[in-house]
Each structure stands twice: as structure tokens, then as C-alpha cells.
C-alpha atoms as a PDB file:
ATOM      1  CA  UNK A   1       0.245  -0.072   0.241  1.00  0.00           C
ATOM      2  CA  UNK A   2       2.818   2.170   0.404  1.00  0.00           C
ATOM      3  CA  UNK A   3       4.742   1.706  -2.180  1.00  0.00           C
ATOM      4  CA  UNK A   4       1.315   2.349  -4.255  1.00  0.00           C
ATOM      5  CA  UNK A   5       0.969   5.634  -2.342  1.00  0.00           C
ATOM      6  CA  UNK A   6       4.544   6.343  -3.146  1.00  0.00           C
ATOM      7  CA  UNK A   7       3.902   6.118  -7.163  1.00  0.00           C
ATOM      8  CA  UNK A   8       0.676   7.646  -6.762  1.00  0.00           C
ATOM      9  CA  UNK A   9       2.394  11.009  -5.421  1.00  0.00           C
ATOM     10  CA  UNK A  10       5.679  10.536  -7.831  1.00  0.00           C
ATOM     11  CA  UNK A  11       3.346  10.551 -10.833  1.00  0.00           C
ATOM     12  CA  UNK A  12       1.541  13.525  -9.359  1.00  0.00           C
ATOM     13  CA  UNK A  13       4.369  15.799  -9.438  1.00  0.00           C
ATOM     14  CA  UNK A  14       5.556  14.344 -12.710  1.00  0.00           C
ATOM     15  CA  UNK A  15       2.296  15.448 -14.316  1.00  0.00           C
ATOM     16  CA  UNK A  16       2.241  18.805 -12.279  1.00  0.00           C
ATOM     17  CA  UNK A  17       5.369  19.952 -13.818  1.00  0.00           C
ATOM     18  CA  UNK A  18       5.404  23.426 -15.677  1.00  0.00           C
ATOM     19  CA  UNK A  19       2.176  24.002 -13.263  1.00  0.00           C
ATOM     20  CA  UNK A  20       3.754  23.839  -9.514  1.00  0.00           C
ATOM     21  CA  UNK A  21       6.511  26.158 -10.899  1.00  0.00           C
ATOM     22  CA  UNK A  22       7.961  28.331  -7.965  1.00  0.00           C
ATOM     23  CA  UNK A  23       8.482  31.687  -8.443  1.00  0.00           C
ATOM     24  CA  UNK A  24      11.854  33.806  -7.714  1.00  0.00           C
ATOM     25  CA  UNK A  25      12.095  37.162  -7.229  1.00  0.00           C
ATOM     26  CA  UNK A  26      15.419  39.105  -7.807  1.00  0.00           C
ATOM     27  CA  UNK A  27      16.691  40.903  -4.846  1.00  0.00           C
ATOM     28  CA  UNK A  28      17.843  43.716  -6.602  1.00  0.00           C
ATOM     29  CA  UNK A  29      22.044  43.025  -6.028  1.00  0.00           C
ATOM     30  CA  UNK A  30      23.513  41.760  -9.378  1.00  0.00           C
ATOM     31  CA  UNK A  31      26.521  39.589  -8.925  1.00  0.00           C
ATOM     32  CA  UNK A  32      30.063  40.224 -10.983  1.00  0.00           C
ATOM     33  CA  UNK A  33      30.057  37.588 -13.869  1.00  0.00           C
ATOM     34  CA  UNK A  34      30.699  34.190 -12.561  1.00  0.00           C
ATOM     35  CA  UNK A  35      32.991  31.957 -14.597  1.00  0.00           C
ATOM     36  CA  UNK A  36      30.861  28.332 -15.833  1.00  0.00           C
ATOM     37  CA  UNK A  37      32.808  25.096 -15.674  1.00  0.00           C
ATOM     38  CA  UNK A  38      31.811  23.476 -18.984  1.00  0.00           C
ATOM     39  CA  UNK A  39      33.280  21.601 -21.637  1.00  0.00           C
ATOM     40  CA  UNK A  40      33.869  22.745 -25.153  1.00  0.00           C
ATOM     41  CA  UNK A  41      31.401  23.184 -27.438  1.00  0.00           C
ATOM     42  CA  UNK A  42      30.931  24.890 -30.929  1.00  0.00           C
ATOM     43  CA  UNK A  43      27.056  25.249 -30.991  1.00  0.00           C
ATOM     44  CA  UNK A  44      24.789  27.325 -28.545  1.00  0.00           C
ATOM     45  CA  UNK A  45      21.157  26.692 -27.585  1.00  0.00           C
ATOM     46  CA  UNK A  46      19.641  29.364 -25.861  1.00  0.00           C
ATOM     47  CA  UNK A  47      15.964  29.550 -24.162  1.00  0.00           C
ATOM     48  CA  UNK A  48      14.352  31.989 -21.812  1.00  0.00           C
ATOM     49  CA  UNK A  49      14.238  35.594 -21.821  1.00  0.00           C
ATOM     50  CA  UNK A  50      18.291  35.964 -20.977  1.00  0.00           C
ATOM     51  CA  UNK A  51      20.420  38.449 -22.891  1.00  0.00           C
ATOM     52  CA  UNK A  52      23.208  36.055 -24.822  1.00  0.00           C
ATOM     53  CA  UNK A  53      26.760  38.176 -25.572  1.00  0.00           C
ATOM     54  CA  UNK A  54      28.901  36.397 -27.975  1.00  0.00           C
ATOM     55  CA  UNK A  55      32.354  37.646 -28.531  1.00  0.00           C
ATOM     56  CA  UNK A  56      35.927  36.240 -30.427  1.00  0.00           C
ATOM     57  CA  UNK A  57      38.790  35.148 -28.094  1.00  0.00           C
ATOM     58  CA  UNK A  58      41.323  32.276 -28.257  1.00  0.00           C
ATOM     59  CA  UNK A  59      39.995  31.050 -25.112  1.00  0.00           C
ATOM     60  CA  UNK A  60      36.655  29.708 -24.537  1.00  0.00           C
ATOM     61  CA  UNK A  61      34.832  30.901 -21.311  1.00  0.00           C
ATOM     62  CA  UNK A  62      31.365  30.941 -20.239  1.00  0.00           C
ATOM     63  CA  UNK A  63      30.018  33.513 -17.876  1.00  0.00           C
ATOM     64  CA  UNK A  64      26.492  34.327 -16.175  1.00  0.00           C
ATOM     65  CA  UNK A  65      25.618  37.741 -14.791  1.00  0.00           C
ATOM     66  CA  UNK A  66      22.467  37.925 -12.447  1.00  0.00           C
ATOM     67  CA  UNK A  67      21.145  38.776  -9.067  1.00  0.00           C
ATOM     68  CA  UNK A  68      22.697  37.031  -6.444  1.00  0.00           C
ATOM     69  CA  UNK A  69      19.642  34.888  -5.361  1.00  0.00           C
ATOM     70  CA  UNK A  70      18.796  34.166  -8.940  1.00  0.00           C
ATOM     71  CA  UNK A  71      21.847  33.523 -10.471  1.00  0.00           C
ATOM     72  CA  UNK A  72      21.912  29.473  -8.803  1.00  0.00           C
ATOM     73  CA  UNK A  73      19.103  29.180 -10.921  1.00  0.00           C
ATOM     74  CA  UNK A  74      20.133  29.661 -14.430  1.00  0.00           C
ATOM     75  CA  UNK A  75      22.393  26.807 -16.444  1.00  0.00           C
ATOM     76  CA  UNK A  76      24.862  26.669 -18.461  1.00  0.00           C
ATOM     77  CA  UNK A  77      25.715  22.601 -19.600  1.00  0.00           C
ATOM     78  CA  UNK A  78      27.521  21.252 -22.592  1.00  0.00           C
ATOM     79  CA  UNK A  79      26.188  17.848 -24.057  1.00  0.00           C
ATOM     80  CA  UNK A  80      27.476  16.727 -27.405  1.00  0.00           C
ATOM     81  CA  UNK A  81      29.763  19.641 -28.401  1.00  0.00           C
ATOM     82  CA  UNK A  82      26.582  22.282 -27.961  1.00  0.00           C
ATOM     83  CA  UNK A  83      25.706  24.334 -25.019  1.00  0.00           C
ATOM     84  CA  UNK A  84      22.279  24.483 -23.254  1.00  0.00           C
ATOM     85  CA  UNK A  85      21.466  27.919 -21.292  1.00  0.00           C
ATOM     86  CA  UNK A  86      18.237  28.182 -19.756  1.00  0.00           C
ATOM     87  CA  UNK A  87      16.679  28.338 -16.729  1.00  0.00           C
ATOM     88  CA  UNK A  88      16.296  24.635 -14.421  1.00  0.00           C
ATOM     89  CA  UNK A  89      13.046  23.615 -14.237  1.00  0.00           C
ATOM     90  CA  UNK A  90      10.095  24.538 -12.333  1.00  0.00           C
ATOM     91  CA  UNK A  91      11.197  28.156 -11.441  1.00  0.00           C
ATOM     92  CA  UNK A  92      10.119  31.175 -12.852  1.00  0.00           C
ATOM     93  CA  UNK A  93      12.646  33.883 -12.873  1.00  0.00           C
ATOM     94  CA  UNK A  94      11.248  37.302 -12.255  1.00  0.00           C
ATOM     95  CA  UNK A  95      14.707  39.607 -12.066  1.00  0.00           C
ATOM     96  CA  UNK A  96      14.934  43.174 -11.625  1.00  0.00           C
ATOM     97  CA  UNK A  97      18.073  43.526 -13.981  1.00  0.00           C
ATOM     98  CA  UNK A  98      18.532  41.619 -17.047  1.00  0.00           C
ATOM     99  CA  UNK A  99      20.250  37.230 -16.718  1.00  0.00           C
ATOM    100  CA  UNK A 100      23.246  38.126 -19.308  1.00  0.00           C
ATOM    101  CA  UNK A 101      25.367  35.343 -20.130  1.00  0.00           C
ATOM    102  CA  UNK A 102      28.972  36.125 -21.553  1.00  0.00           C
ATOM    103  CA  UNK A 103      30.288  33.939 -24.122  1.00  0.00           C
ATOM    104  CA  UNK A 104      33.984  34.021 -25.398  1.00  0.00           C
ATOM    105  CA  UNK A 105      35.225  31.537 -28.305  1.00  0.00           C
ATOM    106  CA  UNK A 106      37.624  31.131 -30.997  1.00  0.00           C
ATOM    107  CA  UNK A 107      35.133  29.282 -33.261  1.00  0.00           C
ATOM    108  CA  UNK A 108      31.285  29.191 -33.471  1.00  0.00           C
ATOM    109  CA  UNK A 109      28.915  26.669 -35.679  1.00  0.00           C
ATOM    110  CA  UNK A 110      25.453  27.376 -35.086  1.00  0.00           C
ATOM    111  CA  UNK A 111      23.537  29.228 -32.339  1.00  0.00           C
ATOM    112  CA  UNK A 112      19.754  28.750 -31.792  1.00  0.00           C
ATOM    113  CA  UNK A 113      17.751  31.128 -29.905  1.00  0.00           C
ATOM    114  CA  UNK A 114      14.160  29.950 -28.645  1.00  0.00           C
ATOM    115  CA  UNK A 115      14.057  32.532 -25.824  1.00  0.00           C
ATOM    116  CA  UNK A 116      12.638  36.261 -26.281  1.00  0.00           C
ATOM    117  CA  UNK A 117      15.236  38.085 -24.873  1.00  0.00           C
ATOM    118  CA  UNK A 118      18.498  39.912 -26.392  1.00  0.00           C
ATOM    119  CA  UNK A 119      21.511  38.448 -28.697  1.00  0.00           C
ATOM    120  CA  UNK A 120      24.595  40.296 -29.140  1.00  0.00           C
ATOM    121  CA  UNK A 121      27.611  39.088 -31.833  1.00  0.00           C
ATOM    122  CA  UNK A 122      30.087  41.345 -31.341  1.00  0.00           C
ATOM    123  CA  UNK A 123      33.289  41.331 -33.994  1.00  0.00           C
ATOM    124  CA  UNK A 124      32.881  37.447 -33.985  1.00  0.00           C
ATOM    125  CA  UNK A 125      35.648  35.828 -36.724  1.00  0.00           C
ATOM    126  CA  UNK A 126      34.698  32.317 -37.760  1.00  0.00           C
ATOM    127  CA  UNK A 127      34.771  30.408 -41.268  1.00  0.00           C
ATOM    128  CA  UNK A 128      31.032  29.293 -41.206  1.00  0.00           C
ATOM    129  CA  UNK A 129      28.001  30.197 -38.652  1.00  0.00           C
ATOM    130  CA  UNK A 130      24.264  29.110 -38.767  1.00  0.00           C
ATOM    131  CA  UNK A 131      22.002  31.327 -36.817  1.00  0.00           C
ATOM    132  CA  UNK A 132      18.405  30.447 -35.992  1.00  0.00           C
ATOM    133  CA  UNK A 133      16.177  32.640 -34.475  1.00  0.00           C
ATOM    134  CA  UNK A 134      12.814  31.134 -33.502  1.00  0.00           C
ATOM    135  CA  UNK A 135      11.392  33.903 -31.135  1.00  0.00           C
ATOM    136  CA  UNK A 136      11.047  37.663 -30.710  1.00  0.00           C
ATOM    137  CA  UNK A 137      14.057  38.502 -29.590  1.00  0.00           C
ATOM    138  CA  UNK A 138      15.859  41.402 -30.413  1.00  0.00           C
ATOM    139  CA  UNK A 139      19.521  40.168 -32.367  1.00  0.00           C
ATOM    140  CA  UNK A 140      22.679  42.352 -33.181  1.00  0.00           C
ATOM    141  CA  UNK A 141      25.271  41.493 -35.129  1.00  0.00           C
ATOM    142  CA  UNK A 142      27.841  43.905 -35.878  1.00  0.00           C
ATOM    143  CA  UNK A 143      31.707  44.108 -37.018  1.00  0.00           C
ATOM    144  CA  UNK A 144      31.542  40.283 -37.536  1.00  0.00           C
ATOM    145  CA  UNK A 145      33.683  38.305 -40.029  1.00  0.00           C
ATOM    146  CA  UNK A 146      32.525  35.457 -41.132  1.00  0.00           C
ATOM    147  CA  UNK A 147      33.039  33.460 -44.488  1.00  0.00           C
ATOM    148  CA  UNK A 148      29.662  31.739 -44.826  1.00  0.00           C
ATOM    149  CA  UNK A 149      26.662  32.834 -42.929  1.00  0.00           C
ATOM    150  CA  UNK A 150      23.246  31.129 -43.090  1.00  0.00           C
ATOM    151  CA  UNK A 151      20.431  33.079 -41.001  1.00  0.00           C
ATOM    152  CA  UNK A 152      16.725  32.862 -40.071  1.00  0.00           C
ATOM    153  CA  UNK A 153      14.893  35.094 -38.478  1.00  0.00           C
ATOM    154  CA  UNK A 154      11.515  33.401 -38.152  1.00  0.00           C
ATOM    155  CA  UNK A 155       8.872  34.772 -35.408  1.00  0.00           C
ATOM    156  CA  UNK A 156       9.083  38.187 -35.645  1.00  0.00           C
ATOM    157  CA  UNK A 157      11.585  39.838 -33.916  1.00  0.00           C
ATOM    158  CA  UNK A 158      14.309  42.344 -35.084  1.00  0.00           C
ATOM    159  CA  UNK A 159      17.810  41.460 -36.810  1.00  0.00           C
ATOM    160  CA  UNK A 160      20.293  44.021 -36.854  1.00  0.00           C
ATOM    161  CA  UNK A 161      23.735  42.532 -39.001  1.00  0.00           C
ATOM    162  CA  UNK A 162      26.894  44.114 -40.086  1.00  0.00           C
ATOM    163  CA  UNK A 163      29.676  42.791 -41.214  1.00  0.00           C
ATOM    164  CA  UNK A 164      31.917  41.216 -44.126  1.00  0.00           C
ATOM    165  CA  UNK A 165      31.522  37.772 -45.923  1.00  0.00           C
ATOM    166  CA  UNK A 166      32.057  35.456 -49.029  1.00  0.00           C
ATOM    167  CA  UNK A 167      28.466  33.853 -49.168  1.00  0.00           C
ATOM    168  CA  UNK A 168      26.014  35.382 -46.834  1.00  0.00           C
ATOM    169  CA  UNK A 169      21.820  33.596 -46.785  1.00  0.00           C
ATOM    170  CA  UNK A 170      19.481  35.755 -45.031  1.00  0.00           C
ATOM    171  CA  UNK A 171      15.915  34.411 -44.502  1.00  0.00           C
ATOM    172  CA  UNK A 172      13.460  35.871 -42.676  1.00  0.00           C
ATOM    173  CA  UNK A 173       9.832  35.016 -42.511  1.00  0.00           C
ATOM    174  CA  UNK A 174       6.906  36.740 -40.585  1.00  0.00           C
ATOM    175  CA  UNK A 175       6.838  39.988 -39.509  1.00  0.00           C
ATOM    176  CA  UNK A 176      10.044  40.612 -38.184  1.00  0.00           C
ATOM    177  CA  UNK A 177      11.871  43.903 -39.132  1.00  0.00           C
ATOM    178  CA  UNK A 178      15.675  43.701 -40.317  1.00  0.00           C
ATOM    179  CA  UNK A 179      18.822  45.791 -41.283  1.00  0.00           C
ATOM    180  CA  UNK A 180      21.641  44.319 -43.097  1.00  0.00           C
ATOM    181  CA  UNK A 181      25.166  46.561 -43.788  1.00  0.00           C
ATOM    182  CA  UNK A 182      28.352  45.509 -44.933  1.00  0.00           C
ATOM    183  CA  UNK A 183      29.720  43.704 -47.800  1.00  0.00           C
ATOM    184  CA  UNK A 184      29.674  39.909 -49.259  1.00  0.00           C
ATOM    185  CA  UNK A 185      30.270  38.153 -52.539  1.00  0.00           C
ATOM    186  CA  UNK A 186      27.272  36.681 -52.552  1.00  0.00           C
ATOM    187  CA  UNK A 187      24.004  37.040 -50.884  1.00  0.00           C
ATOM    188  CA  UNK A 188      20.554  35.448 -50.925  1.00  0.00           C
ATOM    189  CA  UNK A 189      17.960  38.016 -49.391  1.00  0.00           C
ATOM    190  CA  UNK A 190      14.418  36.197 -48.944  1.00  0.00           C
ATOM    191  CA  UNK A 191      11.665  37.611 -47.126  1.00  0.00           C
ATOM    192  CA  UNK A 192       8.472  35.538 -46.709  1.00  0.00           C
ATOM    193  CA  UNK A 193       5.228  37.107 -45.221  1.00  0.00           C
ATOM    194  CA  UNK A 194       4.587  40.952 -44.471  1.00  0.00           C
ATOM    195  CA  UNK A 195       8.167  41.515 -42.545  1.00  0.00           C
ATOM    196  CA  UNK A 196      10.465  44.446 -43.917  1.00  0.00           C
ATOM    197  CA  UNK A 197      14.218  43.870 -45.132  1.00  0.00           C
ATOM    198  CA  UNK A 198      16.400  47.070 -45.661  1.00  0.00           C
ATOM    199  CA  UNK A 199      19.863  46.107 -47.385  1.00  0.00           C
ATOM    200  CA  UNK A 200      19.982  48.716 -49.269  1.00  0.00           C
ATOM    201  CA  UNK A 201      23.619  49.285 -47.584  1.00  0.00           C
ATOM    202  CA  UNK A 202      25.070  46.033 -48.390  1.00  0.00           C
ATOM    203  CA  UNK A 203      27.418  45.811 -51.176  1.00  0.00           C
ATOM    204  CA  UNK A 204      27.165  42.532 -52.825  1.00  0.00           C
ATOM    205  CA  UNK A 205      28.882  41.510 -56.086  1.00  0.00           C
ATOM    206  CA  UNK A 206      25.809  39.036 -56.446  1.00  0.00           C
ATOM    207  CA  UNK A 207      22.563  39.284 -55.080  1.00  0.00           C
ATOM    208  CA  UNK A 208      19.295  37.697 -55.477  1.00  0.00           C
ATOM    209  CA  UNK A 209      16.432  39.172 -53.663  1.00  0.00           C
ATOM    210  CA  UNK A 210      13.153  36.834 -53.199  1.00  0.00           C
ATOM    211  CA  UNK A 211      10.032  38.503 -51.522  1.00  0.00           C
ATOM    212  CA  UNK A 212       6.976  36.369 -50.969  1.00  0.00           C
ATOM    213  CA  UNK A 213       3.644  37.888 -49.858  1.00  0.00           C
ATOM    214  CA  UNK A 214       3.292  41.307 -48.601  1.00  0.00           C
ATOM    215  CA  UNK A 215       6.436  42.341 -47.265  1.00  0.00           C
ATOM    216  CA  UNK A 216       9.007  44.962 -48.122  1.00  0.00           C
ATOM    217  CA  UNK A 217      12.553  44.958 -49.062  1.00  0.00           C
ATOM    218  CA  UNK A 218      14.823  47.815 -49.751  1.00  0.00           C
ATOM    219  CA  UNK A 219      18.412  46.166 -51.732  1.00  0.00           C
ATOM    220  CA  UNK A 220      20.975  47.302 -54.007  1.00  0.00           C
ATOM    221  CA  UNK A 221      22.183  46.171 -57.229  1.00  0.00           C
ATOM    222  CA  UNK A 222      26.195  46.026 -58.028  1.00  0.00           C
ATOM    223  CA  UNK A 223      27.689  43.251 -60.797  1.00  0.00           C
ATOM    224  CA  UNK A 224      24.700  40.406 -60.416  1.00  0.00           C
ATOM    225  CA  UNK A 225      21.784  41.103 -59.259  1.00  0.00           C
ATOM    226  CA  UNK A 226      18.267  39.363 -59.808  1.00  0.00           C
ATOM    227  CA  UNK A 227      15.056  39.781 -57.944  1.00  0.00           C
ATOM    228  CA  UNK A 228      12.053  37.467 -57.813  1.00  0.00           C
ATOM    229  CA  UNK A 229       8.248  38.894 -56.237  1.00  0.00           C
ATOM    230  CA  UNK A 230       5.447  36.191 -55.273  1.00  0.00           C
ATOM    231  CA  UNK A 231       2.174  38.058 -54.144  1.00  0.00           C
ATOM    232  CA  UNK A 232       1.744  41.723 -53.522  1.00  0.00           C
ATOM    233  CA  UNK A 233       5.281  42.656 -52.144  1.00  0.00           C
ATOM    234  CA  UNK A 234       7.290  45.942 -52.971  1.00  0.00           C
ATOM    235  CA  UNK A 235      10.962  45.658 -53.746  1.00  0.00           C
ATOM    236  CA  UNK A 236      12.488  49.036 -53.339  1.00  0.00           C
ATOM    237  CA  UNK A 237      16.344  48.806 -55.120  1.00  0.00           C
ATOM    238  CA  UNK A 238      19.296  51.395 -56.110  1.00  0.00           C
ATOM    239  CA  UNK A 239      22.263  50.352 -57.815  1.00  0.00           C
ATOM    240  CA  UNK A 240      22.944  48.637 -60.952  1.00  0.00           C
ATOM    241  CA  UNK A 241      19.406  47.648 -63.321  1.00  0.00           C
ATOM    242  CA  UNK A 242      18.075  43.861 -62.234  1.00  0.00           C
ATOM    243  CA  UNK A 243      19.705  41.404 -64.645  1.00  0.00           C
ATOM    244  CA  UNK A 244      16.462  38.987 -64.341  1.00  0.00           C
ATOM    245  CA  UNK A 245      13.077  39.986 -62.784  1.00  0.00           C
ATOM    246  CA  UNK A 246      10.192  38.252 -62.104  1.00  0.00           C
ATOM    247  CA  UNK A 247       6.992  39.036 -60.751  1.00  0.00           C
ATOM    248  CA  UNK A 248       3.888  36.535 -59.666  1.00  0.00           C
ATOM    249  CA  UNK A 249       0.652  38.754 -58.453  1.00  0.00           C
ATOM    250  CA  UNK A 250       0.254  41.786 -57.893  1.00  0.00           C
ATOM    251  CA  UNK A 251       3.842  43.144 -56.445  1.00  0.00           C
ATOM    252  CA  UNK A 252       6.447  45.502 -58.030  1.00  0.00           C
ATOM    253  CA  UNK A 253       9.830  46.452 -57.952  1.00  0.00           C
ATOM    254  CA  UNK A 254      10.587  50.171 -57.650  1.00  0.00           C
ATOM    255  CA  UNK A 255      14.184  52.407 -57.994  1.00  0.00           C
ATOM    256  CA  UNK A 256      14.527  54.792 -55.669  1.00  0.00           C
END
């Protein structure tokens, strides 16, 4: 009978996971950044509404900065070369100051953002990076040097991208707002839905612009320039005339 009771109690708590969360309210006393003991990683998955800063360095390190009574509930752990950043289960964190994760690394291959926080990638140099944003996070990549960048923004957040690339693939789905500046040999800019991409200060030798839906793209043409519009969106362009134009629906291509 006792064994049956323990099983029932255990089942109850498992079923209630996520319902019986404990709320932790910040005490207003931010800690200094605390170095985490983690293994080596090439990918990062960020959950929750934290602020993540990523910078280039010869040394790979992870720091957590939060209020003194909250920092223990923020977890950074590496599994199979992937750094997972998230709050401990069954706790709701209510900070008075932002929870910050600071990562320095010599190389990075993939970043996935699932929380509605902030992402800053500053002066990162890496051969290839896949960045997937599945939330309304505010993301900024400044002064980056990435040979091959694949960036997906998929939930209506904002992205500010500035850097030098050889091969840039930028896809925004939904109602997000993005700005792209810098230089690239090859660039593919894709907007799906009602979002806005401002890329007229991106200087790409060969650029392919595709717009699906009611969105808006600003871009610049140089040597190679092609435009595809499907539906009723608008593409505003400056610079060279497009080599290839394909418009399906009531959309339009406008020089500005």
C-alpha cells in the first residue's frame, strides 16, 4: 500500500511539472560575472528571455551575471559539443536586472535562439555560422567577419546585421524587421510574409532577392542582381539594374 502511495505521489508531481513552478523575484543585487565550468562546444542553444553576448577570443569561456538570489537558477551545460543555456525546471525567474550570459570563443558553428531576450554577437570571426532565431528576440551582429553565414529569423523579432562575408544567406519569415549592412561576394535575401528587410547598404557583388507575401525589401544592385516577387510585396532598389526580374501577382519593383 505504501509503495502504491509513493507511485501515485510521484506520478502527481511529474504530471504537475510546469504547473507548480516556484517564482523567484530578483533581490536587486546584481552579482559579478561568474565563470562556469563547462566542456568544449561549437554550438549554442539559448532558452528563456536572457541576454546573450558572444565575442571572439582565443579562450572559450562562459559567464553568468544575474542577481545574487537568481544566478543559481540559471544553468549552462554542454552536451555533445552543444552549450544549453536555460533556467532550471520548475522555477519562474522575475529579475529586476537582465540576466546576462557572456560567451567568448575562438570558433562557433551554430546558434539557436528560442527565448524572447537579446542576442549580441560582437566582432566574431569564424569560418561558417548558422544562426536560427525562433522567437521575438532582439538580435544584433556587429563588425563580424564570417566566410559563410546562414541566418533565419522566424518569429517576428528584429535583426541588425553588419559585417563582411563571402557567402550570405538571410531569410526572414513573418513580420520581423531587419537591417543588413556590410559587404559580401554572394548574397541571398529572402522575405516570407509581411516583414521588412532594409539592405540597401549591403554591397554584394552578386545578390539574389526573393519576396513572398506582402513584405518590403530595400536592396542595392551591383554586378549580378536578380529579383523574384511572388504576391503583392514591394522591392525598392538602388544601384545597378536587375539582370533578371520575375514578378508573379500584384507586387512591384521600384527604383529609389
